[in-house]
């Protein structure tokens, strides 16, 4: 094992100290200018989000299972029922395909009859937040 002499140690320390004494970080002021319409748009979005309630709508679940089959079911549904909204929801470990956004249970049950003709395991649900 090689032992560094005191002279070499001091010399190495001085070189390191001198080389790092001139190093400095960037000192710069950053000014962010934001369009005033952004705040207006954000406040409008908050108003809309506050008025939306998930609990007051009914949905129909047409699939519960794996990701690939959920995508296939969603595409198939959109081709057969283009006038009804549909989405995939992930609840660990399953993917669910929910369709519709019905205001009343009666309206949802009307669509449920037509959807049952095409899909087997259909459920009428009222999702909570």
N, C-alpha and C. Protein backbone atom coordinates (compact mmCIF):
# COMPACT_ATOMS: atom_id res chain seq x y z
N UNK A 1 0.84 -1.17 0.00
CA UNK A 1 0.00 0.00 0.00
C UNK A 1 0.89 1.24 0.00
N UNK A 2 0.52 2.18 -0.77
CA UNK A 2 1.32 3.37 -0.94
C UNK A 2 0.81 4.48 -0.03
N UNK A 3 1.67 5.10 0.70
CA UNK A 3 1.31 6.18 1.61
C UNK A 3 1.68 7.51 0.96
N UNK A 4 0.71 8.42 0.93
CA UNK A 4 0.96 9.74 0.35
C UNK A 4 1.68 10.58 1.39
N UNK A 5 2.73 11.19 0.97
CA UNK A 5 3.49 12.03 1.89
C UNK A 5 2.73 13.31 2.17
N UNK A 6 3.09 13.96 3.23
CA UNK A 6 2.40 15.20 3.63
C UNK A 6 2.56 16.28 2.58
N UNK A 7 3.71 16.32 1.96
CA UNK A 7 3.96 17.34 0.94
C UNK A 7 3.03 17.14 -0.27
N UNK A 8 2.88 15.89 -0.73
CA UNK A 8 1.98 15.61 -1.86
C UNK A 8 0.52 15.88 -1.48
N UNK A 9 0.17 15.55 -0.26
CA UNK A 9 -1.20 15.77 0.19
C UNK A 9 -1.54 17.27 0.21
N UNK A 10 -0.63 18.08 0.74
CA UNK A 10 -0.86 19.53 0.79
C UNK A 10 -0.90 20.09 -0.61
N UNK A 11 -0.01 19.65 -1.49
CA UNK A 11 0.01 20.12 -2.87
C UNK A 11 -1.30 19.77 -3.58
N UNK A 12 -1.80 18.55 -3.41
CA UNK A 12 -3.06 18.13 -4.03
C UNK A 12 -4.23 18.94 -3.47
N UNK A 13 -4.21 19.17 -2.18
CA UNK A 13 -5.28 19.95 -1.55
C UNK A 13 -5.30 21.38 -2.08
N UNK A 14 -4.14 22.01 -2.23
CA UNK A 14 -4.07 23.38 -2.74
C UNK A 14 -4.56 23.47 -4.19
N UNK A 15 -4.18 22.51 -4.99
CA UNK A 15 -4.64 22.51 -6.39
C UNK A 15 -6.16 22.35 -6.45
N UNK A 16 -6.68 21.47 -5.66
CA UNK A 16 -8.12 21.27 -5.61
C UNK A 16 -8.84 22.52 -5.11
N UNK A 17 -8.29 23.14 -4.09
CA UNK A 17 -8.91 24.34 -3.51
C UNK A 17 -8.89 25.50 -4.51
N UNK A 18 -7.78 25.72 -5.19
CA UNK A 18 -7.65 26.81 -6.16
C UNK A 18 -8.56 26.58 -7.35
N UNK A 19 -8.65 25.34 -7.82
CA UNK A 19 -9.46 25.06 -9.00
C UNK A 19 -10.96 25.19 -8.71
N UNK A 20 -11.39 24.94 -7.49
CA UNK A 20 -12.81 25.05 -7.17
C UNK A 20 -13.20 26.42 -6.63
N UNK A 21 -12.24 27.25 -6.31
CA UNK A 21 -12.60 28.56 -5.76
C UNK A 21 -13.18 29.48 -6.81
N UNK A 22 -12.91 29.24 -8.07
CA UNK A 22 -13.43 30.09 -9.15
C UNK A 22 -14.73 29.55 -9.74
N UNK A 23 -15.19 28.44 -9.27
CA UNK A 23 -16.42 27.84 -9.77
C UNK A 23 -17.60 28.50 -9.06
N UNK A 24 -18.59 28.89 -9.84
CA UNK A 24 -19.80 29.48 -9.24
C UNK A 24 -21.02 29.01 -10.00
N UNK A 25 -22.12 28.98 -9.32
CA UNK A 25 -23.38 28.58 -9.94
C UNK A 25 -23.95 29.76 -10.72
N UNK A 26 -24.97 29.47 -11.49
CA UNK A 26 -25.60 30.53 -12.26
C UNK A 26 -26.47 31.37 -11.35
N UNK A 27 -26.30 32.65 -11.44
CA UNK A 27 -27.13 33.59 -10.69
C UNK A 27 -27.90 34.42 -11.70
N UNK A 28 -29.15 34.09 -11.86
CA UNK A 28 -29.95 34.79 -12.85
C UNK A 28 -31.37 34.89 -12.34
N UNK A 29 -31.99 36.03 -12.56
CA UNK A 29 -33.38 36.20 -12.18
C UNK A 29 -34.27 35.71 -13.31
N UNK A 30 -35.30 35.00 -12.95
CA UNK A 30 -36.25 34.49 -13.93
C UNK A 30 -37.57 35.20 -13.71
N UNK A 31 -38.09 35.75 -14.76
CA UNK A 31 -39.37 36.43 -14.69
C UNK A 31 -40.35 35.68 -15.58
N UNK A 32 -41.45 35.26 -15.00
CA UNK A 32 -42.46 34.54 -15.76
C UNK A 32 -43.61 35.49 -16.02
N UNK A 33 -43.90 35.66 -17.27
CA UNK A 33 -45.06 36.51 -17.62
C UNK A 33 -46.19 35.59 -18.06
N UNK A 34 -47.32 35.79 -17.47
CA UNK A 34 -48.47 34.93 -17.71
C UNK A 34 -49.58 35.75 -18.34
N UNK A 35 -50.20 35.18 -19.32
CA UNK A 35 -51.32 35.84 -19.97
C UNK A 35 -52.47 35.98 -18.98
N UNK A 36 -53.04 37.17 -18.83
CA UNK A 36 -54.13 37.34 -17.86
C UNK A 36 -55.36 36.50 -18.19
N UNK A 37 -55.51 36.11 -19.42
CA UNK A 37 -56.66 35.28 -19.79
C UNK A 37 -56.57 33.88 -19.20
N UNK A 38 -55.34 33.46 -18.84
CA UNK A 38 -55.15 32.15 -18.24
C UNK A 38 -55.88 32.03 -16.91
N UNK A 39 -55.76 33.05 -16.07
CA UNK A 39 -56.48 33.03 -14.78
C UNK A 39 -57.98 33.01 -14.99
N UNK A 40 -58.45 33.74 -15.97
CA UNK A 40 -59.88 33.76 -16.28
C UNK A 40 -60.34 32.37 -16.73
N UNK A 41 -59.56 31.75 -17.60
CA UNK A 41 -59.89 30.41 -18.08
C UNK A 41 -59.87 29.41 -16.93
N UNK A 42 -58.89 29.52 -16.05
CA UNK A 42 -58.79 28.63 -14.92
C UNK A 42 -59.98 28.78 -13.96
N UNK A 43 -60.42 30.00 -13.73
CA UNK A 43 -61.57 30.21 -12.85
C UNK A 43 -62.85 29.66 -13.49
N UNK A 44 -62.99 29.78 -14.80
CA UNK A 44 -64.15 29.20 -15.49
C UNK A 44 -64.15 27.68 -15.38
N UNK A 45 -62.98 27.08 -15.51
CA UNK A 45 -62.86 25.63 -15.38
C UNK A 45 -63.22 25.18 -13.97
N UNK A 46 -62.81 25.93 -12.97
CA UNK A 46 -63.16 25.59 -11.59
C UNK A 46 -64.67 25.66 -11.37
N UNK A 47 -65.33 26.64 -11.98
CA UNK A 47 -66.78 26.76 -11.85
C UNK A 47 -67.47 25.55 -12.49
N UNK A 48 -66.99 25.14 -13.66
CA UNK A 48 -67.59 24.00 -14.35
C UNK A 48 -67.38 22.73 -13.55
N UNK A 49 -66.16 22.53 -13.03
CA UNK A 49 -65.88 21.33 -12.23
C UNK A 49 -66.72 21.27 -10.97
N UNK A 50 -66.98 22.43 -10.38
CA UNK A 50 -67.79 22.47 -9.16
C UNK A 50 -69.25 22.11 -9.46
N UNK A 51 -69.70 22.43 -10.66
CA UNK A 51 -71.10 22.15 -11.00
C UNK A 51 -71.32 20.70 -11.43
N UNK A 52 -70.25 20.02 -11.84
CA UNK A 52 -70.38 18.62 -12.25
C UNK A 52 -70.46 17.73 -11.03
N UNK A 53 -71.40 16.82 -11.05
CA UNK A 53 -71.50 15.86 -9.96
C UNK A 53 -71.53 14.46 -10.55
N UNK A 54 -70.65 13.63 -10.11
CA UNK A 54 -70.57 12.26 -10.60
C UNK A 54 -71.70 11.42 -10.00
N UNK A 55 -72.06 11.72 -8.78
CA UNK A 55 -73.03 10.90 -8.06
C UNK A 55 -74.43 10.96 -8.64
N UNK A 56 -74.75 11.98 -9.39
CA UNK A 56 -76.10 12.14 -9.89
C UNK A 56 -76.34 11.45 -11.23
N UNK A 57 -75.37 10.76 -11.76
CA UNK A 57 -75.55 10.12 -13.06
C UNK A 57 -75.44 8.60 -12.94
N UNK A 58 -76.13 7.94 -13.85
CA UNK A 58 -76.09 6.48 -13.93
C UNK A 58 -75.27 6.07 -15.13
N UNK A 59 -74.60 4.94 -15.02
CA UNK A 59 -73.81 4.39 -16.11
C UNK A 59 -74.12 2.91 -16.25
N UNK A 60 -73.78 2.38 -17.40
CA UNK A 60 -73.97 0.96 -17.66
C UNK A 60 -72.59 0.34 -17.87
N UNK A 61 -72.29 -0.67 -17.09
CA UNK A 61 -71.02 -1.38 -17.22
C UNK A 61 -71.24 -2.57 -18.15
N UNK A 62 -70.45 -2.60 -19.25
CA UNK A 62 -70.63 -3.67 -20.22
C UNK A 62 -69.48 -4.67 -20.21
N UNK A 63 -68.38 -4.33 -19.51
CA UNK A 63 -67.24 -5.26 -19.49
C UNK A 63 -66.45 -5.07 -18.20
N UNK A 64 -65.88 -6.17 -17.71
CA UNK A 64 -65.01 -6.17 -16.54
C UNK A 64 -63.96 -7.25 -16.76
N UNK A 65 -62.69 -6.84 -16.91
CA UNK A 65 -61.65 -7.84 -17.14
C UNK A 65 -60.34 -7.21 -17.56
N UNK A 66 -59.64 -7.86 -18.51
CA UNK A 66 -58.31 -7.44 -18.95
C UNK A 66 -58.32 -6.24 -19.87
N UNK A 67 -57.14 -5.67 -20.04
CA UNK A 67 -56.96 -4.43 -20.80
C UNK A 67 -57.29 -4.59 -22.28
N UNK A 68 -56.74 -5.61 -22.91
CA UNK A 68 -56.93 -5.79 -24.35
C UNK A 68 -58.40 -6.02 -24.70
N UNK A 69 -59.07 -6.87 -23.93
CA UNK A 69 -60.48 -7.13 -24.19
C UNK A 69 -61.33 -5.90 -23.89
N UNK A 70 -60.91 -5.09 -22.93
CA UNK A 70 -61.64 -3.85 -22.64
C UNK A 70 -61.56 -2.90 -23.83
N UNK A 71 -60.38 -2.81 -24.43
CA UNK A 71 -60.22 -1.95 -25.61
C UNK A 71 -61.06 -2.45 -26.78
N UNK A 72 -61.06 -3.76 -26.97
CA UNK A 72 -61.87 -4.34 -28.06
C UNK A 72 -63.35 -4.09 -27.82
N UNK A 73 -63.78 -4.28 -26.58
CA UNK A 73 -65.19 -4.07 -26.24
C UNK A 73 -65.58 -2.61 -26.44
N UNK A 74 -64.71 -1.70 -26.05
CA UNK A 74 -64.98 -0.27 -26.21
C UNK A 74 -65.12 0.10 -27.68
N UNK A 75 -64.19 -0.38 -28.52
CA UNK A 75 -64.26 -0.09 -29.95
C UNK A 75 -65.52 -0.68 -30.58
N UNK A 76 -65.85 -1.90 -30.18
CA UNK A 76 -67.05 -2.55 -30.70
C UNK A 76 -68.30 -1.77 -30.29
N UNK A 77 -68.33 -1.32 -29.05
CA UNK A 77 -69.49 -0.57 -28.57
C UNK A 77 -69.63 0.75 -29.32
N UNK A 78 -68.52 1.44 -29.56
CA UNK A 78 -68.58 2.72 -30.26
C UNK A 78 -69.06 2.57 -31.70
N UNK A 79 -68.78 1.41 -32.30
CA UNK A 79 -69.27 1.16 -33.65
C UNK A 79 -70.77 0.89 -33.65
N UNK A 80 -71.25 0.16 -32.65
CA UNK A 80 -72.66 -0.21 -32.60
C UNK A 80 -73.55 0.89 -32.02
N UNK A 81 -73.05 1.63 -31.05
CA UNK A 81 -73.82 2.67 -30.39
C UNK A 81 -73.03 3.98 -30.42
N UNK A 82 -72.99 4.62 -31.55
CA UNK A 82 -72.16 5.82 -31.70
C UNK A 82 -72.73 7.04 -30.96
N UNK A 83 -74.00 7.01 -30.59
CA UNK A 83 -74.61 8.15 -29.93
C UNK A 83 -74.43 8.16 -28.42
N UNK A 84 -73.85 7.09 -27.83
CA UNK A 84 -73.66 6.99 -26.39
C UNK A 84 -72.18 7.07 -26.07
N UNK A 85 -71.83 7.90 -25.09
CA UNK A 85 -70.44 8.01 -24.65
C UNK A 85 -70.00 6.73 -23.95
N UNK A 86 -68.71 6.40 -24.10
CA UNK A 86 -68.17 5.20 -23.46
C UNK A 86 -66.73 5.48 -23.05
N UNK A 87 -66.32 4.85 -21.96
CA UNK A 87 -64.95 5.04 -21.47
C UNK A 87 -64.48 3.79 -20.74
N UNK A 88 -63.15 3.67 -20.61
CA UNK A 88 -62.54 2.58 -19.86
C UNK A 88 -62.10 3.14 -18.51
N UNK A 89 -62.45 2.43 -17.46
CA UNK A 89 -62.07 2.81 -16.10
C UNK A 89 -61.23 1.69 -15.52
N UNK A 90 -60.12 2.05 -14.87
CA UNK A 90 -59.24 1.05 -14.27
C UNK A 90 -59.46 1.02 -12.76
N UNK A 91 -59.93 -0.12 -12.26
CA UNK A 91 -60.02 -0.39 -10.83
C UNK A 91 -59.20 -1.65 -10.58
N UNK A 92 -58.12 -1.52 -9.84
CA UNK A 92 -57.16 -2.60 -9.65
C UNK A 92 -57.85 -3.92 -9.35
N UNK A 93 -57.58 -4.98 -10.01
CA UNK A 93 -56.71 -5.21 -11.15
C UNK A 93 -57.46 -5.26 -12.47
N UNK A 94 -58.71 -4.84 -12.49
CA UNK A 94 -59.55 -4.99 -13.68
C UNK A 94 -59.81 -3.67 -14.39
N UNK A 95 -60.06 -3.82 -15.69
CA UNK A 95 -60.50 -2.70 -16.51
C UNK A 95 -62.00 -2.86 -16.72
N UNK A 96 -62.71 -1.74 -16.64
CA UNK A 96 -64.16 -1.77 -16.81
C UNK A 96 -64.54 -0.81 -17.92
N UNK A 97 -65.50 -1.20 -18.71
CA UNK A 97 -66.02 -0.32 -19.75
C UNK A 97 -67.37 0.19 -19.28
N UNK A 98 -67.44 1.50 -19.06
CA UNK A 98 -68.67 2.16 -18.64
C UNK A 98 -69.20 2.97 -19.80
N UNK A 99 -70.49 2.89 -20.01
CA UNK A 99 -71.11 3.63 -21.10
C UNK A 99 -72.24 4.50 -20.55
N UNK A 100 -72.44 5.61 -21.24
CA UNK A 100 -73.54 6.50 -20.90
C UNK A 100 -73.22 7.43 -19.74
N UNK A 101 -74.06 8.42 -19.63
CA UNK A 101 -74.02 9.38 -18.53
C UNK A 101 -75.47 9.82 -18.35
N UNK A 102 -76.27 8.95 -17.78
CA UNK A 102 -77.70 9.13 -17.74
C UNK A 102 -78.12 9.88 -16.48
N UNK A 103 -79.02 10.84 -16.65
CA UNK A 103 -79.48 11.66 -15.53
C UNK A 103 -80.42 10.90 -14.60
N UNK A 104 -81.23 10.02 -15.17
CA UNK A 104 -82.20 9.30 -14.35
C UNK A 104 -82.04 7.79 -14.56
N UNK A 105 -82.55 7.05 -13.61
CA UNK A 105 -82.49 5.59 -13.70
C UNK A 105 -83.38 5.08 -14.83
N UNK A 106 -84.49 5.73 -15.04
CA UNK A 106 -85.41 5.30 -16.11
C UNK A 106 -84.74 5.43 -17.47
N UNK A 107 -84.05 6.55 -17.69
CA UNK A 107 -83.35 6.74 -18.96
C UNK A 107 -82.28 5.66 -19.15
N UNK A 108 -81.56 5.34 -18.09
CA UNK A 108 -80.52 4.32 -18.17
C UNK A 108 -81.11 2.94 -18.45
N UNK A 109 -82.26 2.64 -17.84
CA UNK A 109 -82.89 1.34 -18.06
C UNK A 109 -83.41 1.19 -19.49
N UNK A 110 -83.81 2.28 -20.11
CA UNK A 110 -84.24 2.22 -21.52
C UNK A 110 -83.08 1.78 -22.41
N UNK A 111 -81.91 2.37 -22.18
CA UNK A 111 -80.75 1.99 -22.97
C UNK A 111 -80.24 0.61 -22.59
N UNK A 112 -80.42 0.25 -21.34
CA UNK A 112 -79.97 -1.05 -20.85
C UNK A 112 -80.62 -2.19 -21.62
N UNK A 113 -81.89 -2.03 -21.97
CA UNK A 113 -82.60 -3.08 -22.72
C UNK A 113 -81.94 -3.32 -24.08
N UNK A 114 -81.59 -2.23 -24.79
CA UNK A 114 -80.95 -2.37 -26.10
C UNK A 114 -79.53 -2.93 -25.98
N UNK A 115 -78.82 -2.49 -24.97
CA UNK A 115 -77.43 -2.92 -24.81
C UNK A 115 -77.35 -4.39 -24.39
N UNK A 116 -78.33 -4.87 -23.62
CA UNK A 116 -78.35 -6.28 -23.19
C UNK A 116 -78.47 -7.23 -24.38
N UNK A 117 -79.07 -6.77 -25.47
CA UNK A 117 -79.20 -7.62 -26.66
C UNK A 117 -77.84 -7.92 -27.26
N UNK A 118 -76.87 -7.02 -27.10
CA UNK A 118 -75.56 -7.18 -27.72
C UNK A 118 -74.50 -7.72 -26.74
N UNK A 119 -74.59 -7.33 -25.46
CA UNK A 119 -73.57 -7.71 -24.48
C UNK A 119 -74.19 -8.54 -23.36
N UNK A 120 -73.43 -9.51 -22.86
CA UNK A 120 -73.95 -10.47 -21.89
C UNK A 120 -74.01 -9.93 -20.47
N UNK A 121 -72.87 -9.60 -19.90
CA UNK A 121 -72.79 -9.20 -18.49
C UNK A 121 -72.91 -7.69 -18.37
N UNK A 122 -74.14 -7.22 -18.33
CA UNK A 122 -74.40 -5.78 -18.30
C UNK A 122 -74.95 -5.42 -16.93
N UNK A 123 -74.41 -4.34 -16.35
CA UNK A 123 -74.86 -3.89 -15.03
C UNK A 123 -75.22 -2.41 -15.10
N UNK A 124 -76.25 -2.04 -14.41
CA UNK A 124 -76.62 -0.64 -14.24
C UNK A 124 -75.97 -0.18 -12.95
N UNK A 125 -75.13 0.84 -13.02
CA UNK A 125 -74.41 1.28 -11.84
C UNK A 125 -74.59 2.78 -11.64
N UNK A 126 -74.33 3.21 -10.42
CA UNK A 126 -74.30 4.62 -10.07
C UNK A 126 -72.98 4.85 -9.35
N UNK A 127 -71.92 5.20 -10.11
CA UNK A 127 -70.59 5.33 -9.51
C UNK A 127 -70.54 6.45 -8.48
N UNK A 128 -69.75 6.25 -7.46
CA UNK A 128 -69.52 7.30 -6.47
C UNK A 128 -68.16 7.91 -6.70
N UNK A 129 -67.90 9.05 -6.09
CA UNK A 129 -66.62 9.74 -6.29
C UNK A 129 -65.47 8.97 -5.71
